[in-house]
Amino acid sequence: MGGPVVSAAGDRLLQDTARRAALALPGVSHGYPFTPGLDVYKVAGKVFLIVTEDPDEQIITVKCEPEHARALERYASITPGRYLDKRHWISLGPGPGITERLITDAVEDSYDLVAERLPRRDRPCAR
Protein backbone atom coordinates (compact mmCIF):
# COMPACT_ATOMS: atom_id res chain seq x y z
CA MET A 1 0.00 0.00 0.00
CA GLY A 2 1.29 3.47 -0.82
CA GLY A 3 3.51 2.40 -3.69
CA PRO A 4 7.08 1.17 -3.85
CA VAL A 5 9.36 2.07 -1.00
CA VAL A 6 12.28 4.32 -1.90
CA SER A 7 15.46 2.38 -1.29
CA ALA A 8 18.63 3.79 0.18
CA ALA A 9 20.60 1.76 -2.37
CA GLY A 10 21.85 4.85 -4.18
CA ASP A 11 19.09 5.07 -6.78
CA ARG A 12 17.53 8.40 -7.71
CA LEU A 13 13.91 7.41 -7.20
CA LEU A 14 13.37 10.11 -4.55
CA GLN A 15 14.59 12.96 -6.76
CA ASP A 16 13.02 11.59 -9.95
CA THR A 17 9.62 11.10 -8.28
CA ALA A 18 9.75 14.64 -6.86
CA ARG A 19 10.70 16.12 -10.23
CA ARG A 20 7.89 14.28 -12.05
CA ALA A 21 5.35 15.40 -9.45
CA ALA A 22 6.49 19.03 -9.65
CA LEU A 23 6.55 19.19 -13.44
CA ALA A 24 2.99 17.78 -13.60
CA LEU A 25 1.67 20.86 -11.76
CA PRO A 26 0.51 24.00 -13.59
CA GLY A 27 2.77 27.04 -13.92
CA VAL A 28 5.96 25.39 -12.64
CA SER A 29 9.42 26.58 -13.61
CA HIS A 30 12.77 25.26 -12.46
CA GLY A 31 16.42 26.05 -12.65
CA TYR A 32 19.63 26.43 -10.66
CA PRO A 33 19.54 29.94 -9.17
CA PHE A 34 21.62 29.16 -6.07
CA THR A 35 24.20 26.55 -7.04
CA PRO A 36 24.55 23.84 -9.71
CA GLY A 37 23.77 21.15 -7.10
CA LEU A 38 20.31 22.48 -6.20
CA ASP A 39 17.47 22.08 -8.73
CA VAL A 40 14.88 24.65 -7.59
CA TYR A 41 11.18 24.42 -8.55
CA LYS A 42 8.96 27.51 -8.37
CA VAL A 43 5.37 28.57 -8.96
CA ALA A 44 4.96 32.25 -9.90
CA GLY A 45 8.56 32.86 -8.81
CA LYS A 46 8.11 31.30 -5.35
CA VAL A 47 10.11 28.22 -4.32
CA PHE A 48 8.15 25.09 -3.37
CA LEU A 49 10.72 22.31 -4.00
CA ILE A 50 14.49 21.98 -3.88
CA VAL A 51 16.06 18.80 -5.24
CA THR A 52 19.61 18.21 -4.01
CA GLU A 53 21.69 16.60 -6.73
CA ASP A 54 24.61 15.51 -4.52
CA PRO A 55 24.80 11.70 -4.89
CA ASP A 56 25.96 11.45 -1.26
CA GLU A 57 22.99 13.47 0.01
CA GLN A 58 19.87 12.47 -1.90
CA ILE A 59 17.22 14.73 -0.40
CA ILE A 60 14.36 16.94 -1.44
CA THR A 61 13.17 19.95 0.56
CA VAL A 62 9.52 21.07 0.55
CA LYS A 63 7.32 23.60 2.32
CA CYS A 64 5.15 22.05 5.04
CA GLU A 65 2.73 23.28 7.70
CA PRO A 66 4.48 22.99 11.12
CA GLU A 67 1.83 20.65 12.56
CA HIS A 68 2.09 18.35 9.53
CA ALA A 69 5.88 18.40 9.80
CA ARG A 70 5.63 17.26 13.42
CA ALA A 71 3.40 14.36 12.36
CA LEU A 72 6.03 13.27 9.82
CA GLU A 73 8.80 13.18 12.44
CA ARG A 74 8.10 9.46 12.90
CA TYR A 75 10.14 8.89 9.71
CA ALA A 76 13.86 8.87 10.46
CA SER A 77 14.70 10.28 7.02
CA ILE A 78 12.40 13.33 7.31
CA THR A 79 14.16 16.21 9.03
CA PRO A 80 13.67 19.97 9.43
CA GLY A 81 14.35 21.79 6.15
CA ARG A 82 18.00 21.82 5.18
CA TYR A 83 18.19 25.23 3.53
CA LEU A 84 15.20 27.23 4.73
CA ASP A 85 13.06 28.07 7.77
CA LYS A 86 13.09 24.83 9.77
CA ARG A 87 9.52 25.34 11.05
CA HIS A 88 7.97 25.58 7.59
CA TRP A 89 10.22 23.35 5.47
CA ILE A 90 11.16 19.68 5.69
CA SER A 91 13.80 17.59 3.95
CA LEU A 92 13.08 14.02 2.89
CA GLY A 93 15.73 11.42 2.20
CA PRO A 94 15.46 7.77 1.20
CA GLY A 95 14.56 5.46 4.04
CA PRO A 96 11.96 3.21 5.63
CA GLY A 97 8.40 4.31 4.90
CA ILE A 98 9.33 6.86 2.22
CA THR A 99 7.11 5.84 -0.70
CA GLU A 100 6.48 7.37 -4.10
CA ARG A 101 3.01 8.42 -2.85
CA LEU A 102 4.48 10.16 0.23
CA ILE A 103 6.98 12.02 -1.99
CA THR A 104 4.30 13.05 -4.50
CA ASP A 105 1.96 14.16 -1.71
CA ALA A 106 4.73 16.21 -0.08
CA VAL A 107 5.54 17.97 -3.37
CA GLU A 108 1.87 18.66 -4.17
CA ASP A 109 1.16 19.89 -0.62
CA SER A 110 4.18 22.23 -0.82
CA TYR A 111 3.00 23.58 -4.17
CA ASP A 112 -0.51 24.17 -2.77
CA LEU A 113 0.86 25.99 0.30
CA VAL A 114 2.92 28.33 -1.87
CA ALA A 115 0.23 28.83 -4.55
CA GLU A 116 -2.52 29.67 -2.05
CA ARG A 117 -0.40 32.50 -0.63
CA LEU A 118 0.11 34.11 -4.04
CA PRO A 119 -1.97 37.13 -5.06
CA ARG A 120 -5.01 35.85 -6.96
CA ARG A 121 -3.72 37.28 -10.26
CA ASP A 122 -0.47 35.27 -9.95
CA ARG A 123 -2.05 31.92 -9.09
CA PRO A 124 -1.87 29.23 -11.77
CA CYS A 125 -5.06 27.63 -13.01
CA ALA A 126 -6.59 25.32 -10.42
CA ARG A 127 -5.27 21.80 -10.46
C-alpha atoms as a PDB file:
ATOM      1  CA  MET A   1       0.000   0.000   0.000  1.00  0.00           C
ATOM      2  CA  GLY A   2       1.292   3.468  -0.818  1.00  0.00           C
ATOM      3  CA  GLY A   3       3.510   2.400  -3.694  1.00  0.00           C
ATOM      4  CA  PRO A   4       7.080   1.170  -3.851  1.00  0.00           C
ATOM      5  CA  VAL A   5       9.363   2.071  -1.001  1.00  0.00           C
ATOM      6  CA  VAL A   6      12.275   4.318  -1.905  1.00  0.00           C
ATOM      7  CA  SER A   7      15.459   2.385  -1.291  1.00  0.00           C
ATOM      8  CA  ALA A   8      18.627   3.792   0.182  1.00  0.00           C
ATOM      9  CA  ALA A   9      20.597   1.763  -2.370  1.00  0.00           C
ATOM     10  CA  GLY A  10      21.852   4.846  -4.185  1.00  0.00           C
ATOM     11  CA  ASP A  11      19.087   5.075  -6.781  1.00  0.00           C
ATOM     12  CA  ARG A  12      17.533   8.404  -7.706  1.00  0.00           C
ATOM     13  CA  LEU A  13      13.905   7.409  -7.203  1.00  0.00           C
ATOM     14  CA  LEU A  14      13.371  10.108  -4.553  1.00  0.00           C
ATOM     15  CA  GLN A  15      14.587  12.959  -6.762  1.00  0.00           C
ATOM     16  CA  ASP A  16      13.019  11.589  -9.949  1.00  0.00           C
ATOM     17  CA  THR A  17       9.624  11.104  -8.277  1.00  0.00           C
ATOM     18  CA  ALA A  18       9.747  14.644  -6.859  1.00  0.00           C
ATOM     19  CA  ARG A  19      10.703  16.121 -10.235  1.00  0.00           C
ATOM     20  CA  ARG A  20       7.887  14.275 -12.055  1.00  0.00           C
ATOM     21  CA  ALA A  21       5.354  15.395  -9.449  1.00  0.00           C
ATOM     22  CA  ALA A  22       6.495  19.026  -9.651  1.00  0.00           C
ATOM     23  CA  LEU A  23       6.546  19.186 -13.441  1.00  0.00           C
ATOM     24  CA  ALA A  24       2.992  17.779 -13.605  1.00  0.00           C
ATOM     25  CA  LEU A  25       1.674  20.861 -11.763  1.00  0.00           C
ATOM     26  CA  PRO A  26       0.508  24.000 -13.591  1.00  0.00           C
ATOM     27  CA  GLY A  27       2.773  27.042 -13.924  1.00  0.00           C
ATOM     28  CA  VAL A  28       5.955  25.386 -12.636  1.00  0.00           C
ATOM     29  CA  SER A  29       9.421  26.576 -13.612  1.00  0.00           C
ATOM     30  CA  HIS A  30      12.768  25.255 -12.458  1.00  0.00           C
ATOM     31  CA  GLY A  31      16.421  26.048 -12.654  1.00  0.00           C
ATOM     32  CA  TYR A  32      19.628  26.425 -10.656  1.00  0.00           C
ATOM     33  CA  PRO A  33      19.536  29.943  -9.174  1.00  0.00           C
ATOM     34  CA  PHE A  34      21.615  29.159  -6.072  1.00  0.00           C
ATOM     35  CA  THR A  35      24.200  26.551  -7.045  1.00  0.00           C
ATOM     36  CA  PRO A  36      24.554  23.843  -9.714  1.00  0.00           C
ATOM     37  CA  GLY A  37      23.767  21.152  -7.104  1.00  0.00           C
ATOM     38  CA  LEU A  38      20.305  22.483  -6.200  1.00  0.00           C
ATOM     39  CA  ASP A  39      17.471  22.083  -8.730  1.00  0.00           C
ATOM     40  CA  VAL A  40      14.878  24.655  -7.588  1.00  0.00           C
ATOM     41  CA  TYR A  41      11.175  24.423  -8.547  1.00  0.00           C
ATOM     42  CA  LYS A  42       8.955  27.505  -8.370  1.00  0.00           C
ATOM     43  CA  VAL A  43       5.369  28.566  -8.956  1.00  0.00           C
ATOM     44  CA  ALA A  44       4.963  32.251  -9.903  1.00  0.00           C
ATOM     45  CA  GLY A  45       8.558  32.862  -8.812  1.00  0.00           C
ATOM     46  CA  LYS A  46       8.109  31.299  -5.346  1.00  0.00           C
ATOM     47  CA  VAL A  47      10.108  28.216  -4.318  1.00  0.00           C
ATOM     48  CA  PHE A  48       8.149  25.086  -3.368  1.00  0.00           C
ATOM     49  CA  LEU A  49      10.716  22.310  -4.000  1.00  0.00           C
ATOM     50  CA  ILE A  50      14.493  21.983  -3.880  1.00  0.00           C
ATOM     51  CA  VAL A  51      16.062  18.801  -5.238  1.00  0.00           C
ATOM     52  CA  THR A  52      19.613  18.206  -4.012  1.00  0.00           C
ATOM     53  CA  GLU A  53      21.695  16.596  -6.726  1.00  0.00           C
ATOM     54  CA  ASP A  54      24.611  15.512  -4.521  1.00  0.00           C
ATOM     55  CA  PRO A  55      24.798  11.698  -4.885  1.00  0.00           C
ATOM     56  CA  ASP A  56      25.961  11.452  -1.259  1.00  0.00           C
ATOM     57  CA  GLU A  57      22.988  13.467   0.015  1.00  0.00           C
ATOM     58  CA  GLN A  58      19.872  12.470  -1.902  1.00  0.00           C
ATOM     59  CA  ILE A  59      17.218  14.731  -0.396  1.00  0.00           C
ATOM     60  CA  ILE A  60      14.359  16.944  -1.439  1.00  0.00           C
ATOM     61  CA  THR A  61      13.169  19.951   0.556  1.00  0.00           C
ATOM     62  CA  VAL A  62       9.519  21.068   0.548  1.00  0.00           C
ATOM     63  CA  LYS A  63       7.316  23.604   2.321  1.00  0.00           C
ATOM     64  CA  CYS A  64       5.150  22.047   5.040  1.00  0.00           C
ATOM     65  CA  GLU A  65       2.727  23.279   7.699  1.00  0.00           C
ATOM     66  CA  PRO A  66       4.476  22.995  11.116  1.00  0.00           C
ATOM     67  CA  GLU A  67       1.826  20.654  12.564  1.00  0.00           C
ATOM     68  CA  HIS A  68       2.086  18.355   9.530  1.00  0.00           C
ATOM     69  CA  ALA A  69       5.883  18.400   9.799  1.00  0.00           C
ATOM     70  CA  ARG A  70       5.632  17.259  13.421  1.00  0.00           C
ATOM     71  CA  ALA A  71       3.401  14.357  12.356  1.00  0.00           C
ATOM     72  CA  LEU A  72       6.029  13.266   9.822  1.00  0.00           C
ATOM     73  CA  GLU A  73       8.803  13.178  12.441  1.00  0.00           C
ATOM     74  CA  ARG A  74       8.100   9.456  12.896  1.00  0.00           C
ATOM     75  CA  TYR A  75      10.140   8.889   9.713  1.00  0.00           C
ATOM     76  CA  ALA A  76      13.862   8.874  10.459  1.00  0.00           C
ATOM     77  CA  SER A  77      14.699  10.278   7.017  1.00  0.00           C
ATOM     78  CA  ILE A  78      12.401  13.328   7.305  1.00  0.00           C
ATOM     79  CA  THR A  79      14.155  16.212   9.031  1.00  0.00           C
ATOM     80  CA  PRO A  80      13.668  19.965   9.431  1.00  0.00           C
ATOM     81  CA  GLY A  81      14.348  21.794   6.154  1.00  0.00           C
ATOM     82  CA  ARG A  82      18.001  21.820   5.176  1.00  0.00           C
ATOM     83  CA  TYR A  83      18.194  25.235   3.532  1.00  0.00           C
ATOM     84  CA  LEU A  84      15.203  27.227   4.732  1.00  0.00           C
ATOM     85  CA  ASP A  85      13.057  28.068   7.773  1.00  0.00           C
ATOM     86  CA  LYS A  86      13.091  24.834   9.770  1.00  0.00           C
ATOM     87  CA  ARG A  87       9.518  25.345  11.055  1.00  0.00           C
ATOM     88  CA  HIS A  88       7.966  25.578   7.588  1.00  0.00           C
ATOM     89  CA  TRP A  89      10.224  23.353   5.472  1.00  0.00           C
ATOM     90  CA  ILE A  90      11.162  19.680   5.693  1.00  0.00           C
ATOM     91  CA  SER A  91      13.803  17.594   3.946  1.00  0.00           C
ATOM     92  CA  LEU A  92      13.080  14.018   2.890  1.00  0.00           C
ATOM     93  CA  GLY A  93      15.731  11.415   2.199  1.00  0.00           C
ATOM     94  CA  PRO A  94      15.463   7.774   1.196  1.00  0.00           C
ATOM     95  CA  GLY A  95      14.564   5.464   4.044  1.00  0.00           C
ATOM     96  CA  PRO A  96      11.964   3.206   5.626  1.00  0.00           C
ATOM     97  CA  GLY A  97       8.401   4.309   4.898  1.00  0.00           C
ATOM     98  CA  ILE A  98       9.334   6.863   2.218  1.00  0.00           C
ATOM     99  CA  THR A  99       7.112   5.837  -0.697  1.00  0.00           C
ATOM    100  CA  GLU A 100       6.476   7.372  -4.097  1.00  0.00           C
ATOM    101  CA  ARG A 101       3.011   8.418  -2.850  1.00  0.00           C
ATOM    102  CA  LEU A 102       4.481  10.155   0.226  1.00  0.00           C
ATOM    103  CA  ILE A 103       6.977  12.021  -1.993  1.00  0.00           C
ATOM    104  CA  THR A 104       4.298  13.045  -4.503  1.00  0.00           C
ATOM    105  CA  ASP A 105       1.956  14.155  -1.708  1.00  0.00           C
ATOM    106  CA  ALA A 106       4.734  16.210  -0.081  1.00  0.00           C
ATOM    107  CA  VAL A 107       5.540  17.972  -3.374  1.00  0.00           C
ATOM    108  CA  GLU A 108       1.865  18.657  -4.165  1.00  0.00           C
ATOM    109  CA  ASP A 109       1.161  19.895  -0.623  1.00  0.00           C
ATOM    110  CA  SER A 110       4.176  22.226  -0.818  1.00  0.00           C
ATOM    111  CA  TYR A 111       2.996  23.584  -4.174  1.00  0.00           C
ATOM    112  CA  ASP A 112      -0.506  24.165  -2.774  1.00  0.00           C
ATOM    113  CA  LEU A 113       0.863  25.990   0.297  1.00  0.00           C
ATOM    114  CA  VAL A 114       2.922  28.325  -1.874  1.00  0.00           C
ATOM    115  CA  ALA A 115       0.231  28.832  -4.547  1.00  0.00           C
ATOM    116  CA  GLU A 116      -2.516  29.673  -2.050  1.00  0.00           C
ATOM    117  CA  ARG A 117      -0.396  32.500  -0.630  1.00  0.00           C
ATOM    118  CA  LEU A 118       0.109  34.113  -4.039  1.00  0.00           C
ATOM    119  CA  PRO A 119      -1.972  37.126  -5.064  1.00  0.00           C
ATOM    120  CA  ARG A 120      -5.007  35.851  -6.960  1.00  0.00           C
ATOM    121  CA  ARG A 121      -3.722  37.283 -10.261  1.00  0.00           C
ATOM    122  CA  ASP A 122      -0.474  35.270  -9.953  1.00  0.00           C
ATOM    123  CA  ARG A 123      -2.049  31.918  -9.091  1.00  0.00           C
ATOM    124  CA  PRO A 124      -1.868  29.231 -11.769  1.00  0.00           C
ATOM    125  CA  CYS A 125      -5.063  27.629 -13.012  1.00  0.00           C
ATOM    126  CA  ALA A 126      -6.587  25.324 -10.417  1.00  0.00           C
ATOM    127  CA  ARG A 127      -5.268  21.798 -10.462  1.00  0.00           C
END
